[in-house]
Amino acid sequence: MSTAWKTELATFMTDLLDVQDETLGVLARRCALLGKADVEGLARLDEEEKRIVGKLQECLARREGLLAQAAQEGLPSDSIQSLSRALPKRERGDLPNQLKIAKARTRLLRHRSLTNWVIIQKTLLHLSQMLGIIATRGRGNPTYERGEPVATGSGSLVDQEA
């Protein structure tokens, strides 16, 4: 393997780690904005998210290109890690460390994405319940009585005129 492979892999990993950092930052901001229910802030985040998605797609295309080129040259092509292991040890440089960092960040990205998803799902459930209360004027469906609503208290959330 040539030094060109080391340079290509190192450049790719540096770019990937940069995009992962950006993604983690956006996910952290999104989580904070969701916690504050800052709809305007969330809307402003959309353009940045689209830009990062584009960068992630570029990284994926580069990865696929590197692995396809490796396959053509008869090198390991199942993953960037196996391709980097094909480099002589003295030429690997910081690649093994970069790969470990990228894997750890990938796990963190999955965790933070799941956290945001759970927050959004809980918010949607809460909003759905609030709409149900408003739509039924705070009266529940009868449970044990026929034809008469269950008493829920002396008032309702919305006037009957609304």
C-alpha atoms as a PDB file:
ATOM      1  CA  MET A   1       0.000   0.000   0.000  1.00  0.00           C
ATOM      2  CA  SER A   2       1.201   3.461  -0.817  1.00  0.00           C
ATOM      3  CA  THR A   3       1.497   6.573   1.266  1.00  0.00           C
ATOM      4  CA  ALA A   4      -1.366   7.975  -0.815  1.00  0.00           C
ATOM      5  CA  TRP A   5      -3.725   5.581   0.977  1.00  0.00           C
ATOM      6  CA  LYS A   6      -2.541   6.834   4.352  1.00  0.00           C
ATOM      7  CA  THR A   7      -3.142  10.429   3.253  1.00  0.00           C
ATOM      8  CA  GLU A   8      -6.592   9.620   1.822  1.00  0.00           C
ATOM      9  CA  LEU A   9      -7.672   7.753   4.949  1.00  0.00           C
ATOM     10  CA  ALA A  10      -6.300  10.392   7.313  1.00  0.00           C
ATOM     11  CA  THR A  11      -8.058  13.190   5.401  1.00  0.00           C
ATOM     12  CA  PHE A  12     -11.298  11.225   5.343  1.00  0.00           C
ATOM     13  CA  MET A  13     -11.155  10.508   9.083  1.00  0.00           C
ATOM     14  CA  THR A  14     -10.378  14.144   9.920  1.00  0.00           C
ATOM     15  CA  ASP A  15     -13.351  15.303   7.859  1.00  0.00           C
ATOM     16  CA  LEU A  16     -15.619  12.654   9.395  1.00  0.00           C
ATOM     17  CA  LEU A  17     -14.623  13.620  12.931  1.00  0.00           C
ATOM     18  CA  ASP A  18     -15.288  17.297  12.145  1.00  0.00           C
ATOM     19  CA  VAL A  19     -18.776  16.493  10.836  1.00  0.00           C
ATOM     20  CA  GLN A  20     -19.478  14.312  13.854  1.00  0.00           C
ATOM     21  CA  ASP A  21     -18.489  17.222  16.135  1.00  0.00           C
ATOM     22  CA  GLU A  22     -20.843  19.548  14.260  1.00  0.00           C
ATOM     23  CA  THR A  23     -23.644  16.991  14.482  1.00  0.00           C
ATOM     24  CA  LEU A  24     -23.161  16.552  18.230  1.00  0.00           C
ATOM     25  CA  GLY A  25     -23.318  20.318  18.663  1.00  0.00           C
ATOM     26  CA  VAL A  26     -26.552  20.600  16.704  1.00  0.00           C
ATOM     27  CA  LEU A  27     -28.130  17.712  18.616  1.00  0.00           C
ATOM     28  CA  ALA A  28     -27.187  19.340  21.930  1.00  0.00           C
ATOM     29  CA  ARG A  29     -28.695  22.664  20.813  1.00  0.00           C
ATOM     30  CA  ARG A  30     -31.830  20.886  19.560  1.00  0.00           C
ATOM     31  CA  CYS A  31     -32.245  19.146  22.920  1.00  0.00           C
ATOM     32  CA  ALA A  32     -31.885  22.458  24.778  1.00  0.00           C
ATOM     33  CA  LEU A  33     -34.368  24.174  22.449  1.00  0.00           C
ATOM     34  CA  LEU A  34     -36.850  21.321  22.872  1.00  0.00           C
ATOM     35  CA  GLY A  35     -36.528  21.673  26.634  1.00  0.00           C
ATOM     36  CA  LYS A  36     -37.348  25.380  26.375  1.00  0.00           C
ATOM     37  CA  ALA A  37     -40.088  24.777  23.764  1.00  0.00           C
ATOM     38  CA  ASP A  38     -38.340  27.389  21.599  1.00  0.00           C
ATOM     39  CA  VAL A  39     -40.155  26.897  18.287  1.00  0.00           C
ATOM     40  CA  GLU A  40     -38.373  29.809  16.589  1.00  0.00           C
ATOM     41  CA  GLY A  41     -34.970  28.491  17.652  1.00  0.00           C
ATOM     42  CA  LEU A  42     -35.846  25.036  16.335  1.00  0.00           C
ATOM     43  CA  ALA A  43     -36.879  26.548  12.996  1.00  0.00           C
ATOM     44  CA  ARG A  44     -33.545  28.397  12.756  1.00  0.00           C
ATOM     45  CA  LEU A  45     -31.733  25.114  13.355  1.00  0.00           C
ATOM     46  CA  ASP A  46     -33.280  23.510  10.253  1.00  0.00           C
ATOM     47  CA  GLU A  47     -30.875  25.089   7.742  1.00  0.00           C
ATOM     48  CA  GLU A  48     -27.837  24.059   9.765  1.00  0.00           C
ATOM     49  CA  GLU A  49     -29.178  20.513  10.040  1.00  0.00           C
ATOM     50  CA  LYS A  50     -29.696  20.350   6.270  1.00  0.00           C
ATOM     51  CA  ARG A  51     -26.113  21.513   5.716  1.00  0.00           C
ATOM     52  CA  ILE A  52     -24.785  18.860   8.100  1.00  0.00           C
ATOM     53  CA  VAL A  53     -26.881  16.151   6.456  1.00  0.00           C
ATOM     54  CA  GLY A  54     -25.249  17.143   3.159  1.00  0.00           C
ATOM     55  CA  LYS A  55     -21.800  16.828   4.727  1.00  0.00           C
ATOM     56  CA  LEU A  56     -22.679  13.426   6.182  1.00  0.00           C
ATOM     57  CA  GLN A  57     -23.871  12.276   2.764  1.00  0.00           C
ATOM     58  CA  GLU A  58     -20.591  13.470   1.263  1.00  0.00           C
ATOM     59  CA  CYS A  59     -18.666  11.472   3.880  1.00  0.00           C
ATOM     60  CA  LEU A  60     -20.705   8.387   3.073  1.00  0.00           C
ATOM     61  CA  ALA A  61     -20.053   8.795  -0.652  1.00  0.00           C
ATOM     62  CA  ARG A  62     -16.328   9.265  -0.001  1.00  0.00           C
ATOM     63  CA  ARG A  63     -16.278   6.159   2.201  1.00  0.00           C
ATOM     64  CA  GLU A  64     -18.003   4.121  -0.495  1.00  0.00           C
ATOM     65  CA  GLY A  65     -15.561   5.474  -3.087  1.00  0.00           C
ATOM     66  CA  LEU A  66     -12.524   4.618  -0.959  1.00  0.00           C
ATOM     67  CA  LEU A  67     -13.792   1.099  -0.317  1.00  0.00           C
ATOM     68  CA  ALA A  68     -14.634   0.558  -3.991  1.00  0.00           C
ATOM     69  CA  GLN A  69     -11.155   1.724  -4.987  1.00  0.00           C
ATOM     70  CA  ALA A  70      -9.622  -0.582  -2.358  1.00  0.00           C
ATOM     71  CA  ALA A  71     -11.602  -3.512  -3.752  1.00  0.00           C
ATOM     72  CA  GLN A  72     -10.305  -2.752  -7.257  1.00  0.00           C
ATOM     73  CA  GLU A  73      -6.758  -2.801  -5.918  1.00  0.00           C
ATOM     74  CA  GLY A  74      -7.311  -6.066  -4.079  1.00  0.00           C
ATOM     75  CA  LEU A  75      -7.161  -4.446  -0.639  1.00  0.00           C
ATOM     76  CA  PRO A  76      -9.557  -5.074   2.247  1.00  0.00           C
ATOM     77  CA  SER A  77     -12.781  -3.279   1.368  1.00  0.00           C
ATOM     78  CA  ASP A  78     -15.348  -4.245   4.013  1.00  0.00           C
ATOM     79  CA  SER A  79     -14.620  -1.243   6.253  1.00  0.00           C
ATOM     80  CA  ILE A  80     -12.329   1.740   6.678  1.00  0.00           C
ATOM     81  CA  GLN A  81     -10.909   0.039   9.760  1.00  0.00           C
ATOM     82  CA  SER A  82      -9.865  -3.092   7.865  1.00  0.00           C
ATOM     83  CA  LEU A  83      -8.451  -0.934   5.078  1.00  0.00           C
ATOM     84  CA  SER A  84      -6.372   1.064   7.567  1.00  0.00           C
ATOM     85  CA  ARG A  85      -5.091  -2.180   9.104  1.00  0.00           C
ATOM     86  CA  ALA A  86      -3.698  -3.085   5.686  1.00  0.00           C
ATOM     87  CA  LEU A  87      -1.302  -0.154   5.988  1.00  0.00           C
ATOM     88  CA  PRO A  88       2.125  -0.985   7.406  1.00  0.00           C
ATOM     89  CA  LYS A  89       2.162  -0.252  11.150  1.00  0.00           C
ATOM     90  CA  ARG A  90       4.750   2.505  10.797  1.00  0.00           C
ATOM     91  CA  GLU A  91       2.520   4.339   8.289  1.00  0.00           C
ATOM     92  CA  ARG A  92      -0.780   4.139  10.190  1.00  0.00           C
ATOM     93  CA  GLY A  93       0.020   7.181  12.277  1.00  0.00           C
ATOM     94  CA  ASP A  94      -3.016   8.406  14.188  1.00  0.00           C
ATOM     95  CA  LEU A  95      -5.535   6.386  12.146  1.00  0.00           C
ATOM     96  CA  PRO A  96      -6.239   3.754  14.853  1.00  0.00           C
ATOM     97  CA  ASN A  97      -6.928   6.511  17.391  1.00  0.00           C
ATOM     98  CA  GLN A  98      -9.142   8.415  14.946  1.00  0.00           C
ATOM     99  CA  LEU A  99     -11.130   5.240  14.262  1.00  0.00           C
ATOM    100  CA  LYS A 100     -11.692   4.681  17.998  1.00  0.00           C
ATOM    101  CA  ILE A 101     -12.849   8.270  18.438  1.00  0.00           C
ATOM    102  CA  ALA A 102     -15.195   7.996  15.441  1.00  0.00           C
ATOM    103  CA  LYS A 103     -16.758   4.805  16.842  1.00  0.00           C
ATOM    104  CA  ALA A 104     -17.260   6.404  20.260  1.00  0.00           C
ATOM    105  CA  ARG A 105     -18.819   9.493  18.681  1.00  0.00           C
ATOM    106  CA  THR A 106     -21.104   7.327  16.578  1.00  0.00           C
ATOM    107  CA  ARG A 107     -22.431   5.695  19.754  1.00  0.00           C
ATOM    108  CA  LEU A 108     -22.864   9.122  21.335  1.00  0.00           C
ATOM    109  CA  LEU A 109     -24.680  10.404  18.237  1.00  0.00           C
ATOM    110  CA  ARG A 110     -27.081   7.464  18.391  1.00  0.00           C
ATOM    111  CA  HIS A 111     -27.717   8.112  22.084  1.00  0.00           C
ATOM    112  CA  ARG A 112     -28.332  11.834  21.614  1.00  0.00           C
ATOM    113  CA  SER A 113     -30.556  11.226  18.582  1.00  0.00           C
ATOM    114  CA  LEU A 114     -32.614   8.763  20.605  1.00  0.00           C
ATOM    115  CA  THR A 115     -32.851  11.272  23.467  1.00  0.00           C
ATOM    116  CA  ASN A 116     -34.208  13.935  21.112  1.00  0.00           C
ATOM    117  CA  TRP A 117     -36.648  11.438  19.603  1.00  0.00           C
ATOM    118  CA  VAL A 118     -37.983  10.487  23.061  1.00  0.00           C
ATOM    119  CA  ILE A 119     -38.417  14.146  24.027  1.00  0.00           C
ATOM    120  CA  ILE A 120     -40.341  14.818  20.807  1.00  0.00           C
ATOM    121  CA  GLN A 121     -42.546  11.734  21.294  1.00  0.00           C
ATOM    122  CA  LYS A 122     -43.369  12.735  24.882  1.00  0.00           C
ATOM    123  CA  THR A 123     -44.197  16.257  23.723  1.00  0.00           C
ATOM    124  CA  LEU A 124     -46.509  14.952  20.999  1.00  0.00           C
ATOM    125  CA  LEU A 125     -48.260  12.690  23.492  1.00  0.00           C
ATOM    126  CA  HIS A 126     -48.728  15.607  25.889  1.00  0.00           C
ATOM    127  CA  LEU A 127     -50.097  17.849  23.123  1.00  0.00           C
ATOM    128  CA  SER A 128     -52.463  15.098  22.000  1.00  0.00           C
ATOM    129  CA  GLN A 129     -53.786  14.733  25.533  1.00  0.00           C
ATOM    130  CA  MET A 130     -54.215  18.505  25.876  1.00  0.00           C
ATOM    131  CA  LEU A 131     -56.163  18.640  22.610  1.00  0.00           C
ATOM    132  CA  GLY A 132     -58.369  15.810  23.859  1.00  0.00           C
ATOM    133  CA  ILE A 133     -59.108  17.724  27.053  1.00  0.00           C
ATOM    134  CA  ILE A 134     -59.922  20.872  25.093  1.00  0.00           C
ATOM    135  CA  ALA A 135     -62.083  18.994  22.578  1.00  0.00           C
ATOM    136  CA  THR A 136     -64.154  17.286  25.289  1.00  0.00           C
ATOM    137  CA  ARG A 137     -64.283  20.427  27.469  1.00  0.00           C
ATOM    138  CA  GLY A 138     -62.615  18.506  30.239  1.00  0.00           C
ATOM    139  CA  ARG A 139     -65.330  15.885  30.442  1.00  0.00           C
ATOM    140  CA  GLY A 140     -64.246  12.278  30.256  1.00  0.00           C
ATOM    141  CA  ASN A 141     -66.130   9.562  28.465  1.00  0.00           C
ATOM    142  CA  PRO A 142     -68.572   7.653  30.659  1.00  0.00           C
ATOM    143  CA  THR A 143     -66.962   4.668  32.265  1.00  0.00           C
ATOM    144  CA  TYR A 144     -69.673   3.027  34.355  1.00  0.00           C
ATOM    145  CA  GLU A 145     -72.760   5.134  33.757  1.00  0.00           C
ATOM    146  CA  ARG A 146     -74.904   4.936  30.623  1.00  0.00           C
ATOM    147  CA  GLY A 147     -75.656   8.077  28.724  1.00  0.00           C
ATOM    148  CA  GLU A 148     -74.354  10.532  31.330  1.00  0.00           C
ATOM    149  CA  PRO A 149     -70.853  11.964  31.337  1.00  0.00           C
ATOM    150  CA  VAL A 150     -68.684  11.340  34.352  1.00  0.00           C
ATOM    151  CA  ALA A 151     -68.453  14.380  36.579  1.00  0.00           C
ATOM    152  CA  THR A 152     -65.011  15.945  36.310  1.00  0.00           C
ATOM    153  CA  GLY A 153     -65.328  18.968  38.527  1.00  0.00           C
ATOM    154  CA  SER A 154     -66.930  22.366  38.552  1.00  0.00           C
ATOM    155  CA  GLY A 155     -65.278  23.917  35.509  1.00  0.00           C
ATOM    156  CA  SER A 156     -63.705  23.236  32.177  1.00  0.00           C
ATOM    157  CA  LEU A 157     -60.635  24.564  30.402  1.00  0.00           C
ATOM    158  CA  VAL A 158     -62.530  26.351  27.653  1.00  0.00           C
ATOM    159  CA  ASP A 159     -65.776  28.289  27.862  1.00  0.00           C
ATOM    160  CA  GLN A 160     -68.670  26.695  26.057  1.00  0.00           C
ATOM    161  CA  GLU A 161     -68.759  29.681  23.724  1.00  0.00           C
ATOM    162  CA  ALA A 162     -65.200  28.982  22.534  1.00  0.00           C
END
